[in-house]
């Protein structure tokens, strides 16, 4: 398998958010992850390179499927840089605060995912890990009024 580059995605649409690592039918306890929707061309290129691209069937006849990439959020060996962005501030999120993204109202996301090439028992593939993410949240009409009263360490929602 060739050396692969990081993938940058601007204005990403993220789905299946589980930044808290909650156990569910589809997730083992402690596994923090989410999905990012891919356009058809990027999905085809990544699939060809061995990335774990998934497909959701179309909702209506004649529509194209939705392609998405599962992305792991691991704070072990190489922790990601995750920044929460508002109109007045930027705050880093870490493994104790990132769970707030599970229910945040998100305006936009820009991210970089890094590949991890694996090979086990003759099988191989590419797993996506979050490297960098800037998440801009939707602010309500009172956010700017009270923003000045927050300390710089507080998460702005």
N, C-alpha and C. Protein backbone atom coordinates (compact mmCIF):
# COMPACT_ATOMS: atom_id res chain seq x y z
N UNK A 1 0.84 -1.18 0.00
CA UNK A 1 0.00 0.00 0.00
C UNK A 1 0.89 1.24 0.00
N UNK A 2 0.57 2.20 -0.83
CA UNK A 2 1.36 3.43 -0.94
C UNK A 2 1.18 4.31 0.29
N UNK A 3 2.15 5.19 0.49
CA UNK A 3 1.99 6.18 1.56
C UNK A 3 0.88 7.14 1.14
N UNK A 4 -0.03 7.38 2.04
CA UNK A 4 -1.17 8.24 1.74
C UNK A 4 -1.02 9.58 2.44
N UNK A 5 -1.67 10.57 1.89
CA UNK A 5 -1.64 11.91 2.47
C UNK A 5 -2.85 12.13 3.36
N UNK A 6 -2.73 13.14 4.21
CA UNK A 6 -3.88 13.60 4.99
C UNK A 6 -4.94 14.12 4.02
N UNK A 7 -6.19 14.08 4.45
CA UNK A 7 -7.31 14.57 3.65
C UNK A 7 -7.91 15.78 4.36
N UNK A 8 -7.96 16.91 3.67
CA UNK A 8 -8.58 18.12 4.21
C UNK A 8 -9.98 18.27 3.64
N UNK A 9 -10.94 18.54 4.51
CA UNK A 9 -12.33 18.70 4.08
C UNK A 9 -12.86 19.99 4.69
N UNK A 10 -13.20 20.94 3.83
CA UNK A 10 -13.80 22.20 4.28
C UNK A 10 -15.31 22.08 4.19
N UNK A 11 -15.99 22.81 5.09
CA UNK A 11 -17.46 22.79 5.13
C UNK A 11 -17.99 21.36 5.17
N UNK A 12 -17.39 20.55 6.02
CA UNK A 12 -17.76 19.14 6.14
C UNK A 12 -19.13 18.99 6.79
N UNK A 13 -19.82 17.94 6.39
CA UNK A 13 -21.08 17.56 7.04
C UNK A 13 -20.79 16.31 7.85
N UNK A 14 -20.92 16.41 9.19
CA UNK A 14 -20.62 15.25 10.01
C UNK A 14 -21.92 14.59 10.49
N UNK A 15 -21.86 13.26 10.59
CA UNK A 15 -23.02 12.45 10.98
C UNK A 15 -22.58 11.44 12.04
N UNK A 16 -23.55 10.80 12.65
CA UNK A 16 -23.29 9.73 13.63
C UNK A 16 -22.29 10.17 14.70
N UNK A 17 -22.50 11.34 15.27
CA UNK A 17 -21.56 11.89 16.26
C UNK A 17 -21.56 11.06 17.54
N UNK A 18 -20.37 10.66 17.95
CA UNK A 18 -20.19 9.98 19.23
C UNK A 18 -18.83 10.39 19.80
N UNK A 19 -18.70 11.69 20.09
CA UNK A 19 -17.46 12.21 20.65
C UNK A 19 -17.28 11.79 22.10
N UNK A 20 -18.36 11.36 22.75
CA UNK A 20 -18.27 10.93 24.15
C UNK A 20 -17.84 9.47 24.27
N UNK A 21 -17.93 8.71 23.20
CA UNK A 21 -17.54 7.31 23.23
C UNK A 21 -18.55 6.42 23.93
N UNK A 22 -19.82 6.82 23.88
CA UNK A 22 -20.87 6.03 24.53
C UNK A 22 -21.07 4.70 23.81
N UNK A 23 -21.34 3.68 24.60
CA UNK A 23 -21.61 2.35 24.06
C UNK A 23 -22.99 2.35 23.42
N UNK A 24 -23.10 1.70 22.27
CA UNK A 24 -24.39 1.56 21.59
C UNK A 24 -24.36 0.27 20.76
N UNK A 25 -25.43 0.04 20.06
CA UNK A 25 -25.52 -1.11 19.17
C UNK A 25 -24.40 -1.10 18.14
N UNK A 26 -23.97 0.09 17.73
CA UNK A 26 -22.95 0.23 16.68
C UNK A 26 -21.60 0.69 17.20
N UNK A 27 -21.43 0.80 18.52
CA UNK A 27 -20.20 1.38 19.04
C UNK A 27 -19.81 0.73 20.37
N UNK A 28 -18.53 0.35 20.46
CA UNK A 28 -18.07 -0.19 21.74
C UNK A 28 -17.75 0.97 22.69
N UNK A 29 -17.91 0.74 23.97
CA UNK A 29 -17.70 1.78 24.99
C UNK A 29 -16.29 2.34 24.90
N UNK A 30 -16.21 3.68 24.90
CA UNK A 30 -14.92 4.37 24.86
C UNK A 30 -14.41 4.68 23.47
N UNK A 31 -15.06 4.19 22.44
CA UNK A 31 -14.63 4.45 21.07
C UNK A 31 -15.28 5.75 20.59
N UNK A 32 -14.49 6.83 20.56
CA UNK A 32 -15.00 8.14 20.12
C UNK A 32 -14.87 8.22 18.60
N UNK A 33 -15.95 8.63 17.95
CA UNK A 33 -15.92 8.67 16.49
C UNK A 33 -17.08 9.47 15.93
N UNK A 34 -17.05 9.65 14.63
CA UNK A 34 -18.14 10.29 13.89
C UNK A 34 -17.96 9.89 12.44
N UNK A 35 -18.94 10.26 11.61
CA UNK A 35 -18.82 10.05 10.17
C UNK A 35 -18.78 11.38 9.47
N UNK A 36 -18.06 11.43 8.35
CA UNK A 36 -18.05 12.63 7.53
C UNK A 36 -18.55 12.24 6.13
N UNK A 37 -19.51 13.01 5.63
CA UNK A 37 -20.08 12.76 4.32
C UNK A 37 -19.07 13.18 3.25
N UNK A 38 -18.92 12.34 2.23
CA UNK A 38 -17.97 12.58 1.15
C UNK A 38 -18.71 12.80 -0.16
N UNK A 39 -18.16 13.66 -1.03
CA UNK A 39 -18.75 13.77 -2.35
C UNK A 39 -18.34 12.54 -3.16
N UNK A 40 -19.03 12.30 -4.25
CA UNK A 40 -18.85 11.08 -5.03
C UNK A 40 -17.41 10.90 -5.50
N UNK A 41 -16.79 11.97 -6.01
CA UNK A 41 -15.42 11.87 -6.53
C UNK A 41 -14.41 11.55 -5.44
N UNK A 42 -14.51 12.24 -4.31
CA UNK A 42 -13.59 11.99 -3.20
C UNK A 42 -13.79 10.58 -2.65
N UNK A 43 -15.05 10.16 -2.55
CA UNK A 43 -15.35 8.81 -2.05
C UNK A 43 -14.72 7.75 -2.96
N UNK A 44 -14.84 7.93 -4.27
CA UNK A 44 -14.27 6.96 -5.22
C UNK A 44 -12.75 6.90 -5.10
N UNK A 45 -12.11 8.07 -5.00
CA UNK A 45 -10.65 8.11 -4.88
C UNK A 45 -10.20 7.45 -3.58
N UNK A 46 -10.87 7.78 -2.49
CA UNK A 46 -10.48 7.22 -1.20
C UNK A 46 -10.72 5.72 -1.13
N UNK A 47 -11.82 5.28 -1.69
CA UNK A 47 -12.13 3.84 -1.72
C UNK A 47 -11.06 3.09 -2.51
N UNK A 48 -10.65 3.65 -3.63
CA UNK A 48 -9.60 3.05 -4.46
C UNK A 48 -8.29 2.94 -3.69
N UNK A 49 -8.02 3.92 -2.83
CA UNK A 49 -6.79 3.92 -2.03
C UNK A 49 -6.88 3.05 -0.78
N UNK A 50 -8.05 2.45 -0.54
CA UNK A 50 -8.18 1.53 0.59
C UNK A 50 -8.83 2.08 1.84
N UNK A 51 -9.27 3.35 1.80
CA UNK A 51 -9.95 3.93 2.96
C UNK A 51 -11.27 3.19 3.19
N UNK A 52 -11.77 3.21 4.41
CA UNK A 52 -12.99 2.49 4.80
C UNK A 52 -14.25 3.31 4.49
N UNK A 53 -14.48 3.60 3.21
CA UNK A 53 -15.63 4.40 2.79
C UNK A 53 -16.89 3.54 2.87
N UNK A 54 -17.92 4.09 3.49
CA UNK A 54 -19.22 3.41 3.66
C UNK A 54 -20.25 4.05 2.75
N UNK A 55 -21.36 3.36 2.58
CA UNK A 55 -22.42 3.84 1.70
C UNK A 55 -23.77 3.70 2.38
N UNK A 56 -24.52 4.80 2.41
CA UNK A 56 -25.91 4.76 2.87
C UNK A 56 -26.80 4.71 1.64
N UNK A 57 -27.77 3.81 1.62
CA UNK A 57 -28.63 3.74 0.44
C UNK A 57 -29.41 5.03 0.23
N UNK A 58 -29.79 5.32 -1.03
CA UNK A 58 -30.56 6.54 -1.30
C UNK A 58 -31.91 6.50 -0.59
N UNK A 59 -32.39 7.68 -0.21
CA UNK A 59 -33.69 7.75 0.47
C UNK A 59 -34.86 7.59 -0.51
N UNK A 60 -34.66 8.07 -1.74
CA UNK A 60 -35.72 7.98 -2.74
C UNK A 60 -35.16 7.37 -4.01
N UNK A 61 -36.03 6.72 -4.78
CA UNK A 61 -35.61 6.14 -6.06
C UNK A 61 -35.02 7.23 -6.94
N UNK A 62 -33.92 6.90 -7.60
CA UNK A 62 -33.28 7.84 -8.51
C UNK A 62 -32.20 8.69 -7.85
N UNK A 63 -32.19 8.75 -6.51
CA UNK A 63 -31.14 9.50 -5.81
C UNK A 63 -29.86 8.67 -5.77
N UNK A 64 -28.73 9.34 -5.60
CA UNK A 64 -27.47 8.62 -5.46
C UNK A 64 -27.27 8.28 -3.98
N UNK A 65 -26.50 7.24 -3.69
CA UNK A 65 -26.23 6.90 -2.29
C UNK A 65 -25.41 8.01 -1.62
N UNK A 66 -25.43 8.02 -0.31
CA UNK A 66 -24.59 8.94 0.46
C UNK A 66 -23.34 8.18 0.87
N UNK A 67 -22.19 8.70 0.50
CA UNK A 67 -20.92 8.08 0.87
C UNK A 67 -20.37 8.79 2.10
N UNK A 68 -19.84 8.02 3.04
CA UNK A 68 -19.32 8.60 4.26
C UNK A 68 -18.12 7.81 4.77
N UNK A 69 -17.32 8.48 5.57
CA UNK A 69 -16.10 7.89 6.11
C UNK A 69 -16.17 7.89 7.63
N UNK A 70 -16.04 6.72 8.27
CA UNK A 70 -15.94 6.71 9.74
C UNK A 70 -14.59 7.29 10.16
N UNK A 71 -14.61 8.20 11.12
CA UNK A 71 -13.40 8.87 11.60
C UNK A 71 -13.27 8.62 13.10
N UNK A 72 -12.13 8.10 13.53
CA UNK A 72 -11.87 7.86 14.95
C UNK A 72 -11.27 9.11 15.58
N UNK A 73 -11.66 9.35 16.83
CA UNK A 73 -11.15 10.48 17.60
C UNK A 73 -10.41 9.88 18.79
N UNK A 74 -9.09 9.78 18.67
CA UNK A 74 -8.29 9.12 19.70
C UNK A 74 -7.35 10.12 20.35
N UNK A 75 -7.31 10.11 21.67
CA UNK A 75 -6.47 11.05 22.42
C UNK A 75 -5.22 10.39 22.98
N UNK A 76 -4.87 9.23 22.48
CA UNK A 76 -3.70 8.51 22.99
C UNK A 76 -2.40 9.04 22.44
N UNK A 77 -1.83 8.30 21.51
CA UNK A 77 -0.50 8.56 20.98
C UNK A 77 -0.38 9.92 20.27
N UNK A 78 -1.33 10.20 19.37
CA UNK A 78 -1.32 11.46 18.62
C UNK A 78 -2.69 12.13 18.80
N UNK A 79 -2.86 12.94 19.86
CA UNK A 79 -4.18 13.54 20.09
C UNK A 79 -4.52 14.58 19.01
N UNK A 80 -5.80 14.67 18.67
CA UNK A 80 -6.21 15.66 17.66
C UNK A 80 -6.26 17.06 18.24
N UNK A 81 -6.18 18.05 17.35
CA UNK A 81 -6.39 19.45 17.72
C UNK A 81 -7.83 19.77 17.33
N UNK A 82 -8.66 20.03 18.33
CA UNK A 82 -10.07 20.33 18.09
C UNK A 82 -10.36 21.70 18.69
N UNK A 83 -10.82 22.61 17.84
CA UNK A 83 -11.10 23.97 18.28
C UNK A 83 -12.59 24.28 18.10
N UNK A 84 -13.20 24.81 19.16
CA UNK A 84 -14.58 25.25 19.12
C UNK A 84 -14.57 26.74 18.81
N UNK A 85 -15.24 27.14 17.74
CA UNK A 85 -15.17 28.51 17.24
C UNK A 85 -16.53 29.20 17.40
N UNK A 86 -16.49 30.43 17.95
CA UNK A 86 -17.67 31.29 18.00
C UNK A 86 -17.28 32.61 17.34
N UNK A 87 -18.22 33.54 17.29
CA UNK A 87 -17.91 34.82 16.68
C UNK A 87 -16.87 35.61 17.48
N UNK A 88 -16.73 35.31 18.77
CA UNK A 88 -15.83 36.07 19.62
C UNK A 88 -14.63 35.29 20.16
N UNK A 89 -14.60 33.99 19.95
CA UNK A 89 -13.52 33.23 20.58
C UNK A 89 -13.25 31.90 19.88
N UNK A 90 -12.14 31.32 20.27
CA UNK A 90 -11.78 29.97 19.87
C UNK A 90 -11.30 29.28 21.13
N UNK A 91 -11.85 28.09 21.40
CA UNK A 91 -11.45 27.36 22.60
C UNK A 91 -11.07 25.94 22.22
N UNK A 92 -9.95 25.44 22.73
CA UNK A 92 -9.57 24.06 22.44
C UNK A 92 -10.46 23.09 23.22
N UNK A 93 -10.78 21.98 22.60
CA UNK A 93 -11.52 20.91 23.27
C UNK A 93 -10.55 19.75 23.47
N UNK A 94 -10.67 19.10 24.63
CA UNK A 94 -9.82 17.95 24.90
C UNK A 94 -10.70 16.75 25.21
N UNK A 95 -10.10 15.71 25.73
CA UNK A 95 -10.86 14.49 25.93
C UNK A 95 -11.92 14.62 27.02
N UNK A 96 -11.84 15.64 27.86
CA UNK A 96 -12.88 15.84 28.88
C UNK A 96 -13.99 16.78 28.41
N UNK A 97 -13.77 17.53 27.33
CA UNK A 97 -14.77 18.50 26.88
C UNK A 97 -15.31 18.22 25.48
N UNK A 98 -14.68 17.35 24.73
CA UNK A 98 -15.08 17.11 23.33
C UNK A 98 -16.48 16.51 23.22
N UNK A 99 -16.95 15.85 24.29
CA UNK A 99 -18.28 15.24 24.25
C UNK A 99 -19.38 16.26 24.01
N UNK A 100 -19.10 17.55 24.25
CA UNK A 100 -20.10 18.58 24.02
C UNK A 100 -20.49 18.70 22.55
N UNK A 101 -19.65 18.20 21.66
CA UNK A 101 -19.96 18.25 20.23
C UNK A 101 -21.07 17.28 19.84
N UNK A 102 -21.37 16.31 20.70
CA UNK A 102 -22.42 15.34 20.37
C UNK A 102 -23.77 16.01 20.15
N UNK A 103 -24.04 17.10 20.89
CA UNK A 103 -25.35 17.75 20.81
C UNK A 103 -25.28 19.21 20.41
N UNK A 104 -24.12 19.70 20.08
CA UNK A 104 -23.98 21.10 19.70
C UNK A 104 -24.68 21.37 18.37
N UNK A 105 -25.21 22.58 18.23
CA UNK A 105 -25.77 23.00 16.95
C UNK A 105 -24.62 23.57 16.14
N UNK A 106 -24.25 22.86 15.10
CA UNK A 106 -23.04 23.18 14.35
C UNK A 106 -23.37 23.98 13.09
N UNK A 107 -22.62 25.08 12.91
CA UNK A 107 -22.78 25.90 11.70
C UNK A 107 -21.86 25.40 10.60
N UNK A 108 -20.59 25.09 10.94
CA UNK A 108 -19.67 24.58 9.93
C UNK A 108 -18.53 23.81 10.59
N UNK A 109 -17.90 22.96 9.79
CA UNK A 109 -16.77 22.15 10.25
C UNK A 109 -15.72 22.11 9.14
N UNK A 110 -14.48 22.38 9.52
CA UNK A 110 -13.33 22.17 8.64
C UNK A 110 -12.44 21.17 9.35
N UNK A 111 -11.92 20.20 8.62
CA UNK A 111 -11.15 19.15 9.29
C UNK A 111 -10.05 18.58 8.41
N UNK A 112 -9.12 17.96 9.09
CA UNK A 112 -8.08 17.17 8.43
C UNK A 112 -8.10 15.79 9.08
N UNK A 113 -8.18 14.76 8.25
CA UNK A 113 -8.07 13.39 8.76
C UNK A 113 -6.76 12.81 8.28
N UNK A 114 -6.19 11.98 9.12
CA UNK A 114 -4.92 11.34 8.76
C UNK A 114 -5.15 9.85 8.57
N UNK A 115 -4.44 9.27 7.62
CA UNK A 115 -4.61 7.84 7.36
C UNK A 115 -3.75 7.00 8.30
N UNK A 116 -4.27 5.83 8.64
CA UNK A 116 -3.47 4.82 9.33
C UNK A 116 -3.61 3.54 8.51
N UNK A 117 -2.54 3.15 7.85
CA UNK A 117 -2.56 1.95 7.02
C UNK A 117 -2.32 0.74 7.90
N UNK A 118 -3.22 -0.24 7.81
CA UNK A 118 -3.10 -1.43 8.64
C UNK A 118 -3.08 -2.68 7.77
N UNK A 119 -2.51 -3.73 8.32
CA UNK A 119 -2.46 -5.02 7.64
C UNK A 119 -2.50 -6.10 8.71
N UNK A 120 -3.52 -6.96 8.67
CA UNK A 120 -3.69 -8.02 9.65
C UNK A 120 -4.17 -9.28 8.94
N UNK A 121 -3.46 -10.37 9.14
CA UNK A 121 -3.85 -11.68 8.59
C UNK A 121 -4.20 -11.62 7.10
N UNK A 122 -3.41 -10.92 6.32
CA UNK A 122 -3.63 -10.84 4.88
C UNK A 122 -4.62 -9.78 4.43
N UNK A 123 -5.37 -9.22 5.36
CA UNK A 123 -6.28 -8.12 5.02
C UNK A 123 -5.55 -6.80 5.27
N UNK A 124 -5.97 -5.76 4.55
CA UNK A 124 -5.37 -4.45 4.75
C UNK A 124 -6.41 -3.38 4.47
N UNK A 125 -6.11 -2.18 4.93
CA UNK A 125 -7.01 -1.06 4.69
C UNK A 125 -6.43 0.21 5.27
N UNK A 126 -7.25 1.24 5.24
CA UNK A 126 -6.83 2.54 5.76
C UNK A 126 -7.92 3.02 6.71
N UNK A 127 -7.53 3.28 7.95
CA UNK A 127 -8.44 3.81 8.95
C UNK A 127 -8.20 5.32 9.06
N UNK A 128 -9.28 6.07 9.21
CA UNK A 128 -9.19 7.53 9.33
C UNK A 128 -9.19 7.95 10.79
N UNK A 129 -8.21 8.78 11.14
CA UNK A 129 -8.14 9.38 12.47
C UNK A 129 -8.24 10.89 12.33
N UNK A 130 -8.95 11.53 13.25
CA UNK A 130 -9.04 12.97 13.24
C UNK A 130 -7.69 13.57 13.62
N UNK A 131 -7.20 14.49 12.80
CA UNK A 131 -5.95 15.20 13.08
C UNK A 131 -6.25 16.61 13.60
N UNK A 132 -7.10 17.33 12.86
CA UNK A 132 -7.45 18.71 13.20
C UNK A 132 -8.91 18.95 12.86
N UNK A 133 -9.60 19.73 13.72
CA UNK A 133 -10.99 20.06 13.44
C UNK A 133 -11.32 21.42 14.04
N UNK A 134 -11.92 22.27 13.21
CA UNK A 134 -12.44 23.56 13.66
C UNK A 134 -13.95 23.49 13.52
N UNK A 135 -14.66 23.61 14.64
CA UNK A 135 -16.11 23.50 14.66
C UNK A 135 -16.70 24.85 15.04
N UNK A 136 -17.44 25.45 14.13
CA UNK A 136 -18.11 26.71 14.40
C UNK A 136 -19.53 26.39 14.82
N UNK A 137 -19.91 26.88 16.00
CA UNK A 137 -21.25 26.58 16.50
C UNK A 137 -22.22 27.71 16.18
N UNK A 138 -23.50 27.36 16.14
CA UNK A 138 -24.56 28.35 15.95
C UNK A 138 -24.76 29.04 17.29
N UNK A 139 -24.74 30.35 17.27
CA UNK A 139 -24.93 31.13 18.49
C UNK A 139 -26.35 31.68 18.54
N UNK A 140 -26.92 31.71 19.73
CA UNK A 140 -28.24 32.31 19.85
C UNK A 140 -28.14 33.82 20.03
N UNK A 141 -29.28 34.48 20.13
CA UNK A 141 -29.29 35.94 20.17
C UNK A 141 -28.67 36.53 21.44
N UNK A 142 -28.46 35.72 22.48
CA UNK A 142 -27.87 36.23 23.71
C UNK A 142 -26.38 35.96 23.83
N UNK A 143 -25.81 35.19 22.93
CA UNK A 143 -24.40 34.79 23.05
C UNK A 143 -23.46 35.99 23.13
N UNK A 144 -23.64 36.97 22.27
CA UNK A 144 -22.72 38.11 22.29
C UNK A 144 -22.91 38.97 23.55
N UNK A 145 -24.13 39.02 24.07
CA UNK A 145 -24.40 39.79 25.28
C UNK A 145 -23.62 39.23 26.47
N UNK A 146 -23.58 37.91 26.59
CA UNK A 146 -22.95 37.29 27.74
C UNK A 146 -21.51 36.83 27.48
N UNK A 147 -21.06 36.88 26.28
CA UNK A 147 -19.70 36.44 25.93
C UNK A 147 -18.66 37.18 26.76
N UNK A 148 -18.83 38.45 26.98
CA UNK A 148 -17.84 39.25 27.70
C UNK A 148 -17.70 38.82 29.16
N UNK A 149 -18.68 38.10 29.71
CA UNK A 149 -18.64 37.67 31.11
C UNK A 149 -17.95 36.33 31.32
N UNK A 150 -17.56 35.68 30.23
CA UNK A 150 -16.94 34.35 30.34
C UNK A 150 -15.43 34.48 30.44
N UNK A 151 -14.84 33.56 31.18
CA UNK A 151 -13.38 33.51 31.20
C UNK A 151 -12.91 32.82 29.93
N UNK A 152 -11.65 32.98 29.58
CA UNK A 152 -11.13 32.42 28.34
C UNK A 152 -11.07 30.89 28.37
N UNK A 153 -11.14 30.28 29.56
CA UNK A 153 -11.07 28.82 29.64
C UNK A 153 -12.44 28.15 29.52
N UNK A 154 -13.51 28.93 29.61
CA UNK A 154 -14.83 28.33 29.56
C UNK A 154 -15.22 28.00 28.13
N UNK A 155 -15.91 26.87 27.98
CA UNK A 155 -16.44 26.49 26.68
C UNK A 155 -17.68 27.34 26.42
N UNK A 156 -17.80 27.95 25.23
CA UNK A 156 -18.82 28.96 24.99
C UNK A 156 -20.23 28.45 24.71
N UNK A 157 -20.62 27.32 25.24
CA UNK A 157 -22.04 26.93 25.18
C UNK A 157 -22.36 25.98 26.29
